[in-house]
Amino acid sequence: MSTEVSATARSGNRRLVILFALAALVSLIGLADALYLTSEHLSGRSVRCTLISGCSEVLSSPYASVRGIPLAAIGAVAYFAVFSLAILAAFGYRLAAAVLPLLVAVMFVTTLWLLYLQAFVIRQFCEFCLLSAAVTFALTMIVILIRWQINKFRI
């Protein structure tokens, strides 16, 4: 019987490692997006949308910076932190696994606010911002799966 429990726990650990690795990989997409937007913002170049119009309006709005810091730079820091925490959690660091859902929750709420601003205040959408929102939604789903997996196997 203890062999069955041990095998189940190992299977649960393997799934957790895969989910943490998936979170790390997804966060790299967000990091690349945020770094691109940050470099364009700092260089003063206008970002052109290819799928929808509105990138320039969104990215040049007063909401694109917080006290002079490009919002994309803050996003890049957040995505790098998610990447780092996910990798540490995959290697068994419990504190990283505990902090990861908190950070992703803050990112999720921030994303909802930014989507509201695009839809109802600026009335334009930026495809790069929508990509970031999709990444954050994906990270939220992965973190929910991680929490479910941890609770399921009491790891």
C-alpha atoms as a PDB file:
ATOM      1  CA  MET A   1       0.000   0.000   0.000  1.00  0.00           C
ATOM      2  CA  SER A   2       2.829   2.447   0.792  1.00  0.00           C
ATOM      3  CA  THR A   3       4.279   1.691  -2.645  1.00  0.00           C
ATOM      4  CA  GLU A   4       1.005   2.821  -4.258  1.00  0.00           C
ATOM      5  CA  VAL A   5       1.001   6.036  -2.215  1.00  0.00           C
ATOM      6  CA  SER A   6       4.635   6.638  -3.091  1.00  0.00           C
ATOM      7  CA  ALA A   7       3.982   6.103  -6.800  1.00  0.00           C
ATOM      8  CA  THR A   8       0.990   8.441  -6.658  1.00  0.00           C
ATOM      9  CA  ALA A   9       3.051  11.107  -4.881  1.00  0.00           C
ATOM     10  CA  ARG A  10       5.835  10.763  -7.469  1.00  0.00           C
ATOM     11  CA  SER A  11       3.285  11.128 -10.262  1.00  0.00           C
ATOM     12  CA  GLY A  12       1.915  14.225  -8.536  1.00  0.00           C
ATOM     13  CA  ASN A  13       5.424  15.653  -8.176  1.00  0.00           C
ATOM     14  CA  ARG A  14       6.128  15.015 -11.857  1.00  0.00           C
ATOM     15  CA  ARG A  15       2.934  16.828 -12.829  1.00  0.00           C
ATOM     16  CA  LEU A  16       3.884  19.745 -10.583  1.00  0.00           C
ATOM     17  CA  VAL A  17       7.311  20.019 -12.155  1.00  0.00           C
ATOM     18  CA  ILE A  18       5.706  20.014 -15.614  1.00  0.00           C
ATOM     19  CA  LEU A  19       3.221  22.710 -14.579  1.00  0.00           C
ATOM     20  CA  PHE A  20       5.953  24.882 -13.055  1.00  0.00           C
ATOM     21  CA  ALA A  21       8.056  24.438 -16.213  1.00  0.00           C
ATOM     22  CA  LEU A  22       5.034  25.382 -18.331  1.00  0.00           C
ATOM     23  CA  ALA A  23       4.530  28.515 -16.215  1.00  0.00           C
ATOM     24  CA  ALA A  24       8.193  29.409 -16.739  1.00  0.00           C
ATOM     25  CA  LEU A  25       7.916  28.934 -20.513  1.00  0.00           C
ATOM     26  CA  VAL A  26       4.696  30.942 -20.785  1.00  0.00           C
ATOM     27  CA  SER A  27       6.214  33.743 -18.712  1.00  0.00           C
ATOM     28  CA  LEU A  28       9.047  33.993 -21.255  1.00  0.00           C
ATOM     29  CA  ILE A  29       6.485  34.927 -23.913  1.00  0.00           C
ATOM     30  CA  GLY A  30       5.247  37.734 -21.687  1.00  0.00           C
ATOM     31  CA  LEU A  31       8.811  38.778 -20.915  1.00  0.00           C
ATOM     32  CA  ALA A  32       9.695  39.015 -24.618  1.00  0.00           C
ATOM     33  CA  ASP A  33       6.547  41.046 -25.304  1.00  0.00           C
ATOM     34  CA  ALA A  34       7.195  43.395 -22.379  1.00  0.00           C
ATOM     35  CA  LEU A  35      10.873  43.860 -23.267  1.00  0.00           C
ATOM     36  CA  TYR A  36       9.949  44.723 -26.855  1.00  0.00           C
ATOM     37  CA  LEU A  37       7.401  47.301 -25.712  1.00  0.00           C
ATOM     38  CA  THR A  38       9.852  48.732 -23.168  1.00  0.00           C
ATOM     39  CA  SER A  39      12.596  49.143 -25.764  1.00  0.00           C
ATOM     40  CA  GLU A  40      10.187  50.811 -28.189  1.00  0.00           C
ATOM     41  CA  HIS A  41       8.933  53.128 -25.447  1.00  0.00           C
ATOM     42  CA  LEU A  42      12.406  54.127 -24.287  1.00  0.00           C
ATOM     43  CA  SER A  43      13.636  54.687 -27.851  1.00  0.00           C
ATOM     44  CA  GLY A  44      10.628  56.868 -28.626  1.00  0.00           C
ATOM     45  CA  ARG A  45       9.548  54.754 -31.592  1.00  0.00           C
ATOM     46  CA  SER A  46       5.881  54.258 -32.329  1.00  0.00           C
ATOM     47  CA  VAL A  47       4.676  50.667 -32.150  1.00  0.00           C
ATOM     48  CA  ARG A  48       2.621  49.590 -35.141  1.00  0.00           C
ATOM     49  CA  CYS A  49      -0.121  47.059 -34.823  1.00  0.00           C
ATOM     50  CA  THR A  50      -0.396  44.502 -37.605  1.00  0.00           C
ATOM     51  CA  LEU A  51      -3.674  42.807 -36.642  1.00  0.00           C
ATOM     52  CA  ILE A  52      -5.666  45.664 -35.116  1.00  0.00           C
ATOM     53  CA  SER A  53      -5.243  49.419 -34.885  1.00  0.00           C
ATOM     54  CA  GLY A  54      -4.751  51.240 -31.633  1.00  0.00           C
ATOM     55  CA  CYS A  55      -1.250  50.392 -30.456  1.00  0.00           C
ATOM     56  CA  SER A  56       0.035  53.949 -30.755  1.00  0.00           C
ATOM     57  CA  GLU A  57      -2.986  55.374 -28.956  1.00  0.00           C
ATOM     58  CA  VAL A  58      -2.736  52.900 -26.090  1.00  0.00           C
ATOM     59  CA  LEU A  59       1.031  53.040 -25.732  1.00  0.00           C
ATOM     60  CA  SER A  60       1.182  56.834 -25.874  1.00  0.00           C
ATOM     61  CA  SER A  61      -1.668  57.300 -23.392  1.00  0.00           C
ATOM     62  CA  PRO A  62      -1.032  58.631 -19.880  1.00  0.00           C
ATOM     63  CA  TYR A  63      -1.678  55.081 -18.611  1.00  0.00           C
ATOM     64  CA  ALA A  64       1.406  53.708 -20.400  1.00  0.00           C
ATOM     65  CA  SER A  65       3.748  54.961 -17.662  1.00  0.00           C
ATOM     66  CA  VAL A  66       3.729  54.985 -13.883  1.00  0.00           C
ATOM     67  CA  ARG A  67       5.736  57.927 -12.518  1.00  0.00           C
ATOM     68  CA  GLY A  68       7.839  57.971 -15.654  1.00  0.00           C
ATOM     69  CA  ILE A  69       8.467  54.224 -15.697  1.00  0.00           C
ATOM     70  CA  PRO A  70       7.043  52.430 -18.741  1.00  0.00           C
ATOM     71  CA  LEU A  71       4.288  50.049 -17.667  1.00  0.00           C
ATOM     72  CA  ALA A  72       5.870  47.483 -19.990  1.00  0.00           C
ATOM     73  CA  ALA A  73       9.085  47.636 -17.904  1.00  0.00           C
ATOM     74  CA  ILE A  74       7.068  46.855 -14.781  1.00  0.00           C
ATOM     75  CA  GLY A  75       5.505  43.978 -16.703  1.00  0.00           C
ATOM     76  CA  ALA A  76       8.940  42.721 -17.731  1.00  0.00           C
ATOM     77  CA  VAL A  77      10.016  42.649 -14.081  1.00  0.00           C
ATOM     78  CA  ALA A  78       6.832  40.793 -13.158  1.00  0.00           C
ATOM     79  CA  TYR A  79       7.261  38.211 -15.928  1.00  0.00           C
ATOM     80  CA  PHE A  80      10.905  37.683 -14.976  1.00  0.00           C
ATOM     81  CA  ALA A  81       9.846  37.199 -11.352  1.00  0.00           C
ATOM     82  CA  VAL A  82       7.238  34.621 -12.442  1.00  0.00           C
ATOM     83  CA  PHE A  83       9.885  32.827 -14.502  1.00  0.00           C
ATOM     84  CA  SER A  84      12.307  32.792 -11.560  1.00  0.00           C
ATOM     85  CA  LEU A  85       9.707  31.664  -9.027  1.00  0.00           C
ATOM     86  CA  ALA A  86       8.417  28.918 -11.338  1.00  0.00           C
ATOM     87  CA  ILE A  87      11.926  27.554 -11.900  1.00  0.00           C
ATOM     88  CA  LEU A  88      12.708  27.648  -8.185  1.00  0.00           C
ATOM     89  CA  ALA A  89       9.384  25.958  -7.401  1.00  0.00           C
ATOM     90  CA  ALA A  90      10.100  23.256  -9.984  1.00  0.00           C
ATOM     91  CA  PHE A  91      13.266  22.489  -8.041  1.00  0.00           C
ATOM     92  CA  GLY A  92      11.332  22.129  -4.795  1.00  0.00           C
ATOM     93  CA  TYR A  93      11.568  25.581  -3.204  1.00  0.00           C
ATOM     94  CA  ARG A  94       8.304  25.761  -1.302  1.00  0.00           C
ATOM     95  CA  LEU A  95       8.522  29.492  -0.621  1.00  0.00           C
ATOM     96  CA  ALA A  96       8.711  30.159  -4.365  1.00  0.00           C
ATOM     97  CA  ALA A  97       5.686  27.910  -4.887  1.00  0.00           C
ATOM     98  CA  ALA A  98       3.827  29.889  -2.211  1.00  0.00           C
ATOM     99  CA  VAL A  99       4.739  33.341  -3.594  1.00  0.00           C
ATOM    100  CA  LEU A 100       4.032  32.505  -7.261  1.00  0.00           C
ATOM    101  CA  PRO A 101       0.208  32.489  -6.934  1.00  0.00           C
ATOM    102  CA  LEU A 102       0.282  35.826  -5.094  1.00  0.00           C
ATOM    103  CA  LEU A 103       2.303  37.488  -7.838  1.00  0.00           C
ATOM    104  CA  VAL A 104       0.145  36.021 -10.596  1.00  0.00           C
ATOM    105  CA  ALA A 105      -2.993  37.177  -8.742  1.00  0.00           C
ATOM    106  CA  VAL A 106      -1.654  40.750  -8.655  1.00  0.00           C
ATOM    107  CA  MET A 107      -0.810  40.491 -12.358  1.00  0.00           C
ATOM    108  CA  PHE A 108      -4.305  39.158 -13.100  1.00  0.00           C
ATOM    109  CA  VAL A 109      -6.055  42.014 -11.292  1.00  0.00           C
ATOM    110  CA  THR A 110      -3.747  44.551 -12.952  1.00  0.00           C
ATOM    111  CA  THR A 111      -4.511  43.005 -16.349  1.00  0.00           C
ATOM    112  CA  LEU A 112      -8.241  43.316 -15.736  1.00  0.00           C
ATOM    113  CA  TRP A 113      -7.756  46.999 -14.887  1.00  0.00           C
ATOM    114  CA  LEU A 114      -5.651  47.605 -17.992  1.00  0.00           C
ATOM    115  CA  LEU A 115      -8.198  45.852 -20.213  1.00  0.00           C
ATOM    116  CA  TYR A 116     -10.897  48.057 -18.700  1.00  0.00           C
ATOM    117  CA  LEU A 117      -8.814  51.140 -19.509  1.00  0.00           C
ATOM    118  CA  GLN A 118      -8.313  50.032 -23.103  1.00  0.00           C
ATOM    119  CA  ALA A 119     -11.984  49.187 -23.628  1.00  0.00           C
ATOM    120  CA  PHE A 120     -13.751  52.020 -21.836  1.00  0.00           C
ATOM    121  CA  VAL A 121     -11.314  54.893 -21.307  1.00  0.00           C
ATOM    122  CA  ILE A 122      -8.857  54.841 -24.220  1.00  0.00           C
ATOM    123  CA  ARG A 123     -11.339  53.005 -26.477  1.00  0.00           C
ATOM    124  CA  GLN A 124      -8.502  51.397 -28.425  1.00  0.00           C
ATOM    125  CA  PHE A 125      -6.745  48.062 -28.137  1.00  0.00           C
ATOM    126  CA  CYS A 126      -3.089  47.191 -28.541  1.00  0.00           C
ATOM    127  CA  GLU A 127      -2.334  43.688 -29.817  1.00  0.00           C
ATOM    128  CA  PHE A 128       0.855  43.522 -27.752  1.00  0.00           C
ATOM    129  CA  CYS A 129      -1.129  44.449 -24.648  1.00  0.00           C
ATOM    130  CA  LEU A 130      -3.707  41.808 -25.518  1.00  0.00           C
ATOM    131  CA  LEU A 131      -0.907  39.267 -25.897  1.00  0.00           C
ATOM    132  CA  SER A 132       0.302  40.194 -22.421  1.00  0.00           C
ATOM    133  CA  ALA A 133      -3.245  39.795 -21.102  1.00  0.00           C
ATOM    134  CA  ALA A 134      -3.510  36.352 -22.723  1.00  0.00           C
ATOM    135  CA  VAL A 135      -0.197  35.335 -21.151  1.00  0.00           C
ATOM    136  CA  THR A 136      -1.369  36.508 -17.746  1.00  0.00           C
ATOM    137  CA  PHE A 137      -4.672  34.626 -18.129  1.00  0.00           C
ATOM    138  CA  ALA A 138      -2.717  31.490 -19.111  1.00  0.00           C
ATOM    139  CA  LEU A 139      -0.437  31.899 -16.087  1.00  0.00           C
ATOM    140  CA  THR A 140      -3.498  32.265 -13.878  1.00  0.00           C
ATOM    141  CA  MET A 141      -4.933  29.009 -15.195  1.00  0.00           C
ATOM    142  CA  ILE A 142      -1.596  27.228 -14.725  1.00  0.00           C
ATOM    143  CA  VAL A 143      -1.315  28.489 -11.144  1.00  0.00           C
ATOM    144  CA  ILE A 144      -4.864  27.298 -10.440  1.00  0.00           C
ATOM    145  CA  LEU A 145      -3.882  23.859 -11.773  1.00  0.00           C
ATOM    146  CA  ILE A 146      -0.745  23.912  -9.618  1.00  0.00           C
ATOM    147  CA  ARG A 147      -2.763  24.762  -6.478  1.00  0.00           C
ATOM    148  CA  TRP A 148      -5.258  22.026  -7.345  1.00  0.00           C
ATOM    149  CA  GLN A 149      -2.426  19.526  -7.851  1.00  0.00           C
ATOM    150  CA  ILE A 150      -0.796  20.488  -4.540  1.00  0.00           C
ATOM    151  CA  ASN A 151      -4.102  20.161  -2.682  1.00  0.00           C
ATOM    152  CA  LYS A 152      -4.937  16.896  -4.436  1.00  0.00           C
ATOM    153  CA  PHE A 153      -1.727  15.181  -3.359  1.00  0.00           C
ATOM    154  CA  ARG A 154      -1.053  17.252  -0.229  1.00  0.00           C
ATOM    155  CA  ILE A 155       2.499  17.832  -1.390  1.00  0.00           C
END
